[in-house]
Amino acid sequence: MKESLLDIICCPLDKHDLELTVEERDEEDGEIVEGLLVCTDCGEEYPIEEGIPNLLPPDMRE
Protein backbone atom coordinates (compact mmCIF):
# COMPACT_ATOMS: atom_id res chain seq x y z
CA MET A 1 0.00 0.00 0.00
CA LYS A 2 1.27 3.46 -0.80
CA GLU A 3 1.24 5.85 2.14
CA SER A 4 -0.39 8.51 -0.08
CA LEU A 5 -3.55 6.35 -0.07
CA LEU A 6 -4.28 7.74 3.41
CA ASP A 7 -5.34 10.99 1.71
CA ILE A 8 -8.36 9.30 0.12
CA ILE A 9 -9.43 6.44 2.40
CA CYS A 10 -11.39 6.70 5.65
CA CYS A 11 -13.03 4.49 8.25
CA PRO A 12 -15.90 2.63 6.55
CA LEU A 13 -17.97 2.76 9.75
CA ASP A 14 -17.93 6.47 10.61
CA LYS A 15 -15.94 8.13 7.78
CA HIS A 16 -13.24 9.55 10.08
CA ASP A 17 -9.51 9.61 9.29
CA LEU A 18 -7.29 6.58 9.72
CA GLU A 19 -3.96 6.56 11.55
CA LEU A 20 -1.17 4.38 10.16
CA THR A 21 1.17 2.05 12.05
CA VAL A 22 3.83 0.48 9.82
CA GLU A 23 5.16 -2.96 10.75
CA GLU A 24 7.01 -3.73 7.50
CA ARG A 25 7.96 -1.55 4.53
CA ASP A 26 9.36 -2.66 1.16
CA GLU A 27 12.94 -1.39 1.01
CA GLU A 28 12.95 -0.90 -2.77
CA ASP A 29 9.81 1.18 -3.38
CA GLY A 30 8.86 2.19 0.18
CA GLU A 31 5.37 0.67 -0.01
CA ILE A 32 3.81 -0.60 3.21
CA VAL A 33 3.69 -4.41 3.25
CA GLU A 34 2.35 -5.04 6.76
CA GLY A 35 0.73 -2.64 9.20
CA LEU A 36 -2.40 -1.37 10.81
CA LEU A 37 -4.90 1.40 10.11
CA VAL A 38 -6.77 2.69 13.18
CA CYS A 39 -9.78 5.00 13.10
CA THR A 40 -9.07 8.26 14.93
CA ASP A 41 -12.65 8.39 16.26
CA CYS A 42 -14.05 4.90 16.96
CA GLY A 43 -10.68 3.11 17.35
CA GLU A 44 -11.58 0.24 14.99
CA GLU A 45 -8.48 -1.47 13.56
CA TYR A 46 -7.99 -2.50 9.93
CA PRO A 47 -4.99 -4.68 9.07
CA ILE A 48 -2.67 -4.22 6.10
CA GLU A 49 -1.52 -7.66 4.90
CA GLU A 50 0.74 -8.26 1.91
CA GLY A 51 0.32 -4.61 0.93
CA ILE A 52 -3.49 -4.70 0.88
CA PRO A 53 -5.58 -2.81 3.47
CA ASN A 54 -8.60 -4.80 4.67
CA LEU A 55 -11.30 -2.16 5.10
CA LEU A 56 -14.18 -4.56 5.60
CA PRO A 57 -16.33 -3.82 8.64
CA PRO A 58 -15.39 -6.08 11.60
CA ASP A 59 -18.50 -8.27 11.30
CA MET A 60 -17.68 -9.10 7.65
CA ARG A 61 -14.09 -10.28 8.24
CA GLU A 62 -13.15 -13.93 8.72
PDB file of N, CA and C in Angstrom:
ATOM      1  N   MET A   1       0.845  -1.163   0.000  1.00  0.00           N
ATOM      2  CA  MET A   1       0.000   0.000   0.000  1.00  0.00           C
ATOM      3  C   MET A   1       0.893   1.229   0.000  1.00  0.00           C
ATOM      4  N   LYS A   2       0.558   2.187  -0.809  1.00  0.00           N
ATOM      5  CA  LYS A   2       1.274   3.459  -0.804  1.00  0.00           C
ATOM      6  C   LYS A   2       0.741   4.335   0.324  1.00  0.00           C
ATOM      7  N   GLU A   3       1.639   5.014   1.011  1.00  0.00           N
ATOM      8  CA  GLU A   3       1.238   5.850   2.136  1.00  0.00           C
ATOM      9  C   GLU A   3       0.325   6.996   1.685  1.00  0.00           C
ATOM     10  N   SER A   4       0.445   7.422   0.446  1.00  0.00           N
ATOM     11  CA  SER A   4      -0.394   8.505  -0.078  1.00  0.00           C
ATOM     12  C   SER A   4      -1.873   8.112  -0.143  1.00  0.00           C
ATOM     13  N   LEU A   5      -2.165   6.825  -0.070  1.00  0.00           N
ATOM     14  CA  LEU A   5      -3.549   6.346  -0.071  1.00  0.00           C
ATOM     15  C   LEU A   5      -4.330   6.874   1.134  1.00  0.00           C
ATOM     16  N   LEU A   6      -3.626   7.213   2.206  1.00  0.00           N
ATOM     17  CA  LEU A   6      -4.280   7.743   3.408  1.00  0.00           C
ATOM     18  C   LEU A   6      -5.031   9.044   3.131  1.00  0.00           C
ATOM     19  N   ASP A   7      -4.663   9.742   2.060  1.00  0.00           N
ATOM     20  CA  ASP A   7      -5.343  10.994   1.707  1.00  0.00           C
ATOM     21  C   ASP A   7      -6.760  10.761   1.202  1.00  0.00           C
ATOM     22  N   ILE A   8      -7.046   9.533   0.723  1.00  0.00           N
ATOM     23  CA  ILE A   8      -8.364   9.301   0.115  1.00  0.00           C
ATOM     24  C   ILE A   8      -9.214   8.234   0.803  1.00  0.00           C
ATOM     25  N   ILE A   9      -8.627   7.459   1.715  1.00  0.00           N
ATOM     26  CA  ILE A   9      -9.433   6.442   2.401  1.00  0.00           C
ATOM     27  C   ILE A   9      -9.830   6.928   3.790  1.00  0.00           C
ATOM     28  N   CYS A  10     -10.911   6.354   4.314  1.00  0.00           N
ATOM     29  CA  CYS A  10     -11.388   6.704   5.650  1.00  0.00           C
ATOM     30  C   CYS A  10     -12.020   5.462   6.279  1.00  0.00           C
ATOM     31  N   CYS A  11     -12.373   5.581   7.533  1.00  0.00           N
ATOM     32  CA  CYS A  11     -13.025   4.486   8.247  1.00  0.00           C
ATOM     33  C   CYS A  11     -14.369   4.191   7.583  1.00  0.00           C
ATOM     34  N   PRO A  12     -14.627   2.941   7.195  1.00  0.00           N
ATOM     35  CA  PRO A  12     -15.900   2.625   6.554  1.00  0.00           C
ATOM     36  C   PRO A  12     -17.100   2.707   7.501  1.00  0.00           C
ATOM     37  N   LEU A  13     -16.864   2.706   8.790  1.00  0.00           N
ATOM     38  CA  LEU A  13     -17.967   2.758   9.753  1.00  0.00           C
ATOM     39  C   LEU A  13     -18.453   4.177  10.018  1.00  0.00           C
ATOM     40  N   ASP A  14     -17.512   5.111  10.232  1.00  0.00           N
ATOM     41  CA  ASP A  14     -17.928   6.469  10.613  1.00  0.00           C
ATOM     42  C   ASP A  14     -17.293   7.575   9.764  1.00  0.00           C
ATOM     43  N   LYS A  15     -16.531   7.196   8.750  1.00  0.00           N
ATOM     44  CA  LYS A  15     -15.943   8.133   7.779  1.00  0.00           C
ATOM     45  C   LYS A  15     -14.896   9.078   8.360  1.00  0.00           C
ATOM     46  N   HIS A  16     -14.312   8.741   9.514  1.00  0.00           N
ATOM     47  CA  HIS A  16     -13.243   9.550  10.079  1.00  0.00           C
ATOM     48  C   HIS A  16     -11.891   9.103   9.522  1.00  0.00           C
ATOM     49  N   ASP A  17     -10.860   9.908   9.784  1.00  0.00           N
ATOM     50  CA  ASP A  17      -9.510   9.612   9.295  1.00  0.00           C
ATOM     51  C   ASP A  17      -8.955   8.349   9.931  1.00  0.00           C
ATOM     52  N   LEU A  18      -7.980   7.759   9.224  1.00  0.00           N
ATOM     53  CA  LEU A  18      -7.287   6.579   9.718  1.00  0.00           C
ATOM     54  C   LEU A  18      -5.845   6.936  10.042  1.00  0.00           C
ATOM     55  N   GLU A  19      -5.339   6.367  11.130  1.00  0.00           N
ATOM     56  CA  GLU A  19      -3.962   6.564  11.549  1.00  0.00           C
ATOM     57  C   GLU A  19      -3.171   5.312  11.178  1.00  0.00           C
ATOM     58  N   LEU A  20      -1.977   5.479  10.666  1.00  0.00           N
ATOM     59  CA  LEU A  20      -1.173   4.379  10.158  1.00  0.00           C
ATOM     60  C   LEU A  20      -0.077   3.959  11.134  1.00  0.00           C
ATOM     61  N   THR A  21       0.048   2.645  11.340  1.00  0.00           N
ATOM     62  CA  THR A  21       1.175   2.052  12.054  1.00  0.00           C
ATOM     63  C   THR A  21       1.836   1.080  11.090  1.00  0.00           C
ATOM     64  N   VAL A  22       3.106   1.315  10.786  1.00  0.00           N
ATOM     65  CA  VAL A  22       3.830   0.478   9.824  1.00  0.00           C
ATOM     66  C   VAL A  22       4.614  -0.590  10.568  1.00  0.00           C
ATOM     67  N   GLU A  23       4.408  -1.856  10.179  1.00  0.00           N
ATOM     68  CA  GLU A  23       5.165  -2.965  10.753  1.00  0.00           C
ATOM     69  C   GLU A  23       6.271  -3.415   9.810  1.00  0.00           C
ATOM     70  N   GLU A  24       6.007  -3.338   8.497  1.00  0.00           N
ATOM     71  CA  GLU A  24       7.013  -3.730   7.504  1.00  0.00           C
ATOM     72  C   GLU A  24       6.836  -2.883   6.257  1.00  0.00           C
ATOM     73  N   ARG A  25       7.974  -2.385   5.730  1.00  0.00           N
ATOM     74  CA  ARG A  25       7.956  -1.552   4.534  1.00  0.00           C
ATOM     75  C   ARG A  25       8.911  -2.159   3.504  1.00  0.00           C
ATOM     76  N   ASP A  26       8.520  -2.167   2.247  1.00  0.00           N
ATOM     77  CA  ASP A  26       9.362  -2.664   1.164  1.00  0.00           C
ATOM     78  C   ASP A  26      10.540  -1.711   0.996  1.00  0.00           C
ATOM     79  N   GLU A  27      11.756  -2.236   1.055  1.00  0.00           N
ATOM     80  CA  GLU A  27      12.938  -1.389   1.005  1.00  0.00           C
ATOM     81  C   GLU A  27      13.157  -0.759  -0.363  1.00  0.00           C
ATOM     82  N   GLU A  28      12.707  -1.409  -1.424  1.00  0.00           N
ATOM     83  CA  GLU A  28      12.945  -0.901  -2.769  1.00  0.00           C
ATOM     84  C   GLU A  28      12.047   0.268  -3.127  1.00  0.00           C
ATOM     85  N   ASP A  29      10.735   0.119  -2.958  1.00  0.00           N
ATOM     86  CA  ASP A  29       9.814   1.175  -3.380  1.00  0.00           C
ATOM     87  C   ASP A  29       9.145   1.916  -2.226  1.00  0.00           C
ATOM     88  N   GLY A  30       9.399   1.496  -0.981  1.00  0.00           N
ATOM     89  CA  GLY A  30       8.858   2.188   0.180  1.00  0.00           C
ATOM     90  C   GLY A  30       7.400   1.901   0.486  1.00  0.00           C
ATOM     91  N   GLU A  31       6.781   0.990  -0.262  1.00  0.00           N
ATOM     92  CA  GLU A  31       5.375   0.667  -0.006  1.00  0.00           C
ATOM     93  C   GLU A  31       5.230  -0.111   1.299  1.00  0.00           C
ATOM     94  N   ILE A  32       4.081   0.064   1.943  1.00  0.00           N
ATOM     95  CA  ILE A  32       3.805  -0.604   3.211  1.00  0.00           C
ATOM     96  C   ILE A  32       3.322  -2.016   2.913  1.00  0.00           C
ATOM     97  N   VAL A  33       4.011  -3.000   3.474  1.00  0.00           N
ATOM     98  CA  VAL A  33       3.687  -4.407   3.250  1.00  0.00           C
ATOM     99  C   VAL A  33       2.789  -4.925   4.363  1.00  0.00           C
ATOM    100  N   GLU A  34       3.125  -4.605   5.597  1.00  0.00           N
ATOM    101  CA  GLU A  34       2.346  -5.041   6.763  1.00  0.00           C
ATOM    102  C   GLU A  34       2.164  -3.845   7.692  1.00  0.00           C
ATOM    103  N   GLY A  35       0.986  -3.736   8.274  1.00  0.00           N
ATOM    104  CA  GLY A  35       0.734  -2.639   9.197  1.00  0.00           C
ATOM    105  C   GLY A  35      -0.692  -2.635   9.685  1.00  0.00           C
ATOM    106  N   LEU A  36      -1.089  -1.495  10.206  1.00  0.00           N
ATOM    107  CA  LEU A  36      -2.405  -1.372  10.813  1.00  0.00           C
ATOM    108  C   LEU A  36      -2.933   0.042  10.588  1.00  0.00           C
ATOM    109  N   LEU A  37      -4.200   0.121  10.220  1.00  0.00           N
ATOM    110  CA  LEU A  37      -4.902   1.395  10.113  1.00  0.00           C
ATOM    111  C   LEU A  37      -5.898   1.453  11.257  1.00  0.00           C
ATOM    112  N   VAL A  38      -5.891   2.543  12.021  1.00  0.00           N
ATOM    113  CA  VAL A  38      -6.770   2.686  13.179  1.00  0.00           C
ATOM    114  C   VAL A  38      -7.587   3.962  13.022  1.00  0.00           C
ATOM    115  N   CYS A  39      -8.892   3.846  13.198  1.00  0.00           N
ATOM    116  CA  CYS A  39      -9.785   5.003  13.100  1.00  0.00           C
ATOM    117  C   CYS A  39      -9.490   5.967  14.247  1.00  0.00           C
ATOM    118  N   THR A  40      -9.373   7.252  13.919  1.00  0.00           N
ATOM    119  CA  THR A  40      -9.065   8.257  14.927  1.00  0.00           C
ATOM    120  C   THR A  40     -10.261   8.557  15.830  1.00  0.00           C
ATOM    121  N   ASP A  41     -11.467   8.114  15.441  1.00  0.00           N
ATOM    122  CA  ASP A  41     -12.655   8.391  16.255  1.00  0.00           C
ATOM    123  C   ASP A  41     -13.131   7.153  17.020  1.00  0.00           C
ATOM    124  N   CYS A  42     -13.478   6.075  16.297  1.00  0.00           N
ATOM    125  CA  CYS A  42     -14.052   4.898  16.963  1.00  0.00           C
ATOM    126  C   CYS A  42     -12.992   3.891  17.427  1.00  0.00           C
ATOM    127  N   GLY A  43     -11.761   3.999  16.918  1.00  0.00           N
ATOM    128  CA  GLY A  43     -10.685   3.113  17.353  1.00  0.00           C
ATOM    129  C   GLY A  43     -10.662   1.754  16.673  1.00  0.00           C
ATOM    130  N   GLU A  44     -11.564   1.531  15.707  1.00  0.00           N
ATOM    131  CA  GLU A  44     -11.584   0.243  14.991  1.00  0.00           C
ATOM    132  C   GLU A  44     -10.275   0.069  14.225  1.00  0.00           C
ATOM    133  N   GLU A  45      -9.756  -1.174  14.204  1.00  0.00           N
ATOM    134  CA  GLU A  45      -8.484  -1.472  13.561  1.00  0.00           C
ATOM    135  C   GLU A  45      -8.705  -2.240  12.265  1.00  0.00           C
ATOM    136  N   TYR A  46      -7.938  -1.856  11.248  1.00  0.00           N
ATOM    137  CA  TYR A  46      -7.990  -2.495   9.929  1.00  0.00           C
ATOM    138  C   TYR A  46      -6.571  -2.912   9.554  1.00  0.00           C
ATOM    139  N   PRO A  47      -6.336  -4.209   9.360  1.00  0.00           N
ATOM    140  CA  PRO A  47      -4.988  -4.680   9.071  1.00  0.00           C
ATOM    141  C   PRO A  47      -4.569  -4.420   7.613  1.00  0.00           C
ATOM    142  N   ILE A  48      -3.262  -4.262   7.431  1.00  0.00           N
ATOM    143  CA  ILE A  48      -2.673  -4.223   6.097  1.00  0.00           C
ATOM    144  C   ILE A  48      -1.840  -5.492   5.992  1.00  0.00           C
ATOM    145  N   GLU A  49      -2.211  -6.374   5.063  1.00  0.00           N
ATOM    146  CA  GLU A  49      -1.523  -7.655   4.896  1.00  0.00           C
ATOM    147  C   GLU A  49      -1.102  -7.809   3.451  1.00  0.00           C
ATOM    148  N   GLU A  50       0.176  -8.095   3.245  1.00  0.00           N
ATOM    149  CA  GLU A  50       0.741  -8.262   1.910  1.00  0.00           C
ATOM    150  C   GLU A  50       0.463  -7.039   1.038  1.00  0.00           C
ATOM    151  N   GLY A  51       0.494  -5.854   1.653  1.00  0.00           N
ATOM    152  CA  GLY A  51       0.325  -4.607   0.931  1.00  0.00           C
ATOM    153  C   GLY A  51      -1.113  -4.203   0.660  1.00  0.00           C
ATOM    154  N   ILE A  52      -2.077  -4.969   1.160  1.00  0.00           N
ATOM    155  CA  ILE A  52      -3.489  -4.703   0.881  1.00  0.00           C
ATOM    156  C   ILE A  52      -4.221  -4.361   2.182  1.00  0.00           C
ATOM    157  N   PRO A  53      -4.803  -3.152   2.267  1.00  0.00           N
ATOM    158  CA  PRO A  53      -5.575  -2.814   3.466  1.00  0.00           C
ATOM    159  C   PRO A  53      -6.938  -3.506   3.438  1.00  0.00           C
ATOM    160  N   ASN A  54      -7.305  -4.125   4.554  1.00  0.00           N
ATOM    161  CA  ASN A  54      -8.596  -4.801   4.674  1.00  0.00           C
ATOM    162  C   ASN A  54      -9.556  -3.838   5.364  1.00  0.00           C
ATOM    163  N   LEU A  55     -10.384  -3.161   4.561  1.00  0.00           N
ATOM    164  CA  LEU A  55     -11.296  -2.163   5.099  1.00  0.00           C
ATOM    165  C   LEU A  55     -12.717  -2.680   5.261  1.00  0.00           C
ATOM    166  N   LEU A  56     -12.863  -3.986   5.334  1.00  0.00           N
ATOM    167  CA  LEU A  56     -14.185  -4.557   5.598  1.00  0.00           C
ATOM    168  C   LEU A  56     -14.588  -4.252   7.039  1.00  0.00           C
ATOM    169  N   PRO A  57     -15.860  -3.986   7.264  1.00  0.00           N
ATOM    170  CA  PRO A  57     -16.325  -3.821   8.642  1.00  0.00           C
ATOM    171  C   PRO A  57     -16.012  -5.083   9.457  1.00  0.00           C
ATOM    172  N   PRO A  58     -15.802  -4.947  10.753  1.00  0.00           N
ATOM    173  CA  PRO A  58     -15.394  -6.083  11.596  1.00  0.00           C
ATOM    174  C   PRO A  58     -16.298  -7.313  11.478  1.00  0.00           C
ATOM    175  N   ASP A  59     -17.603  -7.118  11.349  1.00  0.00           N
ATOM    176  CA  ASP A  59     -18.500  -8.265  11.296  1.00  0.00           C
ATOM    177  C   ASP A  59     -18.458  -8.995   9.957  1.00  0.00           C
ATOM    178  N   MET A  60     -17.762  -8.458   8.958  1.00  0.00           N
ATOM    179  CA  MET A  60     -17.677  -9.096   7.647  1.00  0.00           C
ATOM    180  C   MET A  60     -16.319  -9.777   7.417  1.00  0.00           C
ATOM    181  N   ARG A  61     -15.397  -9.638   8.370  1.00  0.00           N
ATOM    182  CA  ARG A  61     -14.086 -10.281   8.240  1.00  0.00           C
ATOM    183  C   ARG A  61     -14.153 -11.713   8.733  1.00  0.00           C
ATOM    184  N   GLU A  62     -13.209 -12.523   8.265  1.00  0.00           N
ATOM    185  CA  GLU A  62     -13.152 -13.930   8.722  1.00  0.00           C
ATOM    186  C   GLU A  62     -12.651 -13.986  10.142  1.00  0.00           C
TER     187      GLU A  62
END
